[in-house]
């Protein structure tokens, strides 16, 4: 984790958001009938807001996912730490999944 995102970190965070999007919405964020259409959708940033597809998803988590997919770098988290902090606020800890304190 660092204060600034490297190109590798940017790709990793965007890849993570694409997996979240696909797992939660059941479809790829950038899709098309063939590879050229998929590439065009990606380049033109034609992506449906995940909250419209999965309305039961919290707005905070939807916003986090969409911020990682954002086309403009200025709309993405400025660091991996910031992305993690925002995620932690969007998804509060589940007491059943949190390890017991000893």
Protein backbone atom coordinates (compact mmCIF):
# COMPACT_ATOMS: atom_id res chain seq x y z
CA UNK A 1 0.00 0.00 0.00
CA UNK A 2 1.24 3.43 -0.76
CA UNK A 3 0.33 7.05 -1.11
CA UNK A 4 0.32 7.07 -4.90
CA UNK A 5 -0.89 4.54 -7.39
CA UNK A 6 1.54 2.90 -9.75
CA UNK A 7 0.30 1.73 -13.13
CA UNK A 8 0.37 -1.83 -11.79
CA UNK A 9 -1.77 -0.86 -8.79
CA UNK A 10 -4.22 0.98 -11.04
CA UNK A 11 -4.63 -2.08 -13.23
CA UNK A 12 -4.99 -4.31 -10.19
CA UNK A 13 -7.70 -2.16 -8.65
CA UNK A 14 -9.58 -1.88 -11.93
CA UNK A 15 -9.32 -5.65 -12.44
CA UNK A 16 -10.66 -6.17 -8.92
CA UNK A 17 -13.63 -3.91 -9.67
CA UNK A 18 -14.37 -5.82 -12.89
CA UNK A 19 -14.47 -9.09 -10.93
CA UNK A 20 -16.78 -7.53 -8.29
CA UNK A 21 -19.03 -6.16 -11.04
CA UNK A 22 -19.24 -9.50 -12.83
CA UNK A 23 -19.79 -11.48 -9.60
CA UNK A 24 -22.51 -9.16 -8.29
CA UNK A 25 -24.28 -8.18 -11.52
CA UNK A 26 -23.87 -11.46 -13.36
CA UNK A 27 -22.52 -9.76 -16.46
CA UNK A 28 -19.35 -8.09 -17.65
CA UNK A 29 -19.21 -4.31 -17.28
CA UNK A 30 -17.94 -3.96 -20.85
CA UNK A 31 -19.70 -6.36 -23.17
CA UNK A 32 -20.54 -6.87 -26.81
CA UNK A 33 -21.31 -9.46 -29.43
CA UNK A 34 -17.66 -9.73 -30.48
CA UNK A 35 -14.20 -8.65 -29.37
CA UNK A 36 -14.36 -5.39 -31.36
CA UNK A 37 -17.63 -4.39 -29.67
CA UNK A 38 -16.20 -5.20 -26.23
CA UNK A 39 -13.10 -3.11 -26.95
CA UNK A 40 -15.28 -0.26 -28.23
CA UNK A 41 -17.46 -0.37 -25.10
CA UNK A 42 -14.32 -0.23 -22.97
CA UNK A 43 -12.76 2.64 -24.91
CA UNK A 44 -16.00 4.63 -24.93
CA UNK A 45 -16.61 3.67 -21.30
CA UNK A 46 -20.08 2.29 -21.97
CA UNK A 47 -20.82 0.69 -18.64
CA UNK A 48 -24.14 0.53 -16.81
CA UNK A 49 -24.08 1.63 -13.19
CA UNK A 50 -24.04 -1.54 -11.11
CA UNK A 51 -26.59 -0.08 -8.70
CA UNK A 52 -29.14 0.03 -11.54
CA UNK A 53 -28.52 -3.66 -12.21
CA UNK A 54 -28.40 -4.71 -8.54
CA UNK A 55 -30.58 -2.23 -6.61
CA UNK A 56 -30.27 -4.23 -3.37
CA UNK A 57 -26.53 -3.49 -3.39
CA UNK A 58 -25.67 -0.66 -1.01
CA UNK A 59 -25.11 2.65 -2.76
CA UNK A 60 -21.72 2.94 -1.02
CA UNK A 61 -20.46 -0.38 -2.38
CA UNK A 62 -21.85 0.40 -5.85
CA UNK A 63 -20.10 3.78 -5.79
CA UNK A 64 -16.83 2.12 -4.72
CA UNK A 65 -16.98 -0.41 -7.55
CA UNK A 66 -17.85 2.26 -10.11
CA UNK A 67 -15.05 4.53 -8.85
CA UNK A 68 -12.52 1.79 -9.56
CA UNK A 69 -13.96 1.32 -13.05
CA UNK A 70 -14.01 5.08 -13.70
CA UNK A 71 -12.62 6.11 -17.08
CA UNK A 72 -10.88 9.22 -15.78
CA UNK A 73 -7.95 8.71 -13.43
CA UNK A 74 -9.06 11.75 -11.41
CA UNK A 75 -12.29 9.91 -10.55
CA UNK A 76 -10.46 6.84 -9.20
CA UNK A 77 -9.02 6.46 -5.69
CA UNK A 78 -5.65 8.17 -5.37
CA UNK A 79 -4.05 5.26 -3.55
CA UNK A 80 -4.61 1.64 -2.68
CA UNK A 81 -4.94 2.71 0.95
CA UNK A 82 -7.71 5.16 0.04
CA UNK A 83 -9.46 2.43 -1.96
CA UNK A 84 -9.25 0.09 1.06
CA UNK A 85 -10.51 2.79 3.46
CA UNK A 86 -13.48 3.52 1.20
CA UNK A 87 -14.23 -0.19 0.86
CA UNK A 88 -14.11 -0.63 4.64
CA UNK A 89 -16.71 2.12 5.05
CA UNK A 90 -18.90 0.65 2.31
CA UNK A 91 -18.82 -2.87 3.75
CA UNK A 92 -19.01 -2.85 7.53
CA UNK A 93 -17.47 -5.87 9.26
CA UNK A 94 -19.78 -8.85 9.71
CA UNK A 95 -19.63 -10.05 13.33
CA UNK A 96 -20.09 -13.64 12.14
CA UNK A 97 -17.10 -13.42 9.82
CA UNK A 98 -14.81 -11.42 12.10
CA UNK A 99 -12.37 -13.61 14.05
CA UNK A 100 -13.03 -13.72 17.77
CA UNK A 101 -10.66 -11.73 19.99
CA UNK A 102 -8.64 -13.85 22.38
